[in-house]
Amino acid sequence: MPAITFPVERMTRFLNRITKGLLFTFYPEIDYSDMYFEVQQITPSQEVADFMYENMLSDERGDGGFRFWRAVVEDNHKFPGTWCYVFYDGVCFCVAHSKDKNDLTNECNSQ
């Protein structure tokens, strides 16, 4: 059963806005205006956590209420990237982005 019970479209827009804000904060040189975004809710597991800690940069806001991991390829003109968001140590989402929509097919599930 999904952890989020309000409309998926609303959550998708919310997570895309968070991703765009973090892109602007951490990668201000990247123009994300023509990027494609893909959002998926993921089930936290030890395997997912191990992958994130080994391959992504981490940060948090709100004294652990919002934790996130990021991996963005800055030297690729399509700027593909994956962000994993964990809210209150329970609800977990993945947002992938690229200027090429073909890069996104199940990107969040490849971890």
Foldseek 3Di string as FASTA:
>chain_A
DAPDDDDPVVVVVVVVVVVVVVCCVPPVVDDCPLKDKDKDWDFDDPVVVVCQVVPWDKDAPDVPQKIKTKDWDPVDNFTWMKMWIDGPNGTIMIMIMTSDPVVPDCPVVPD
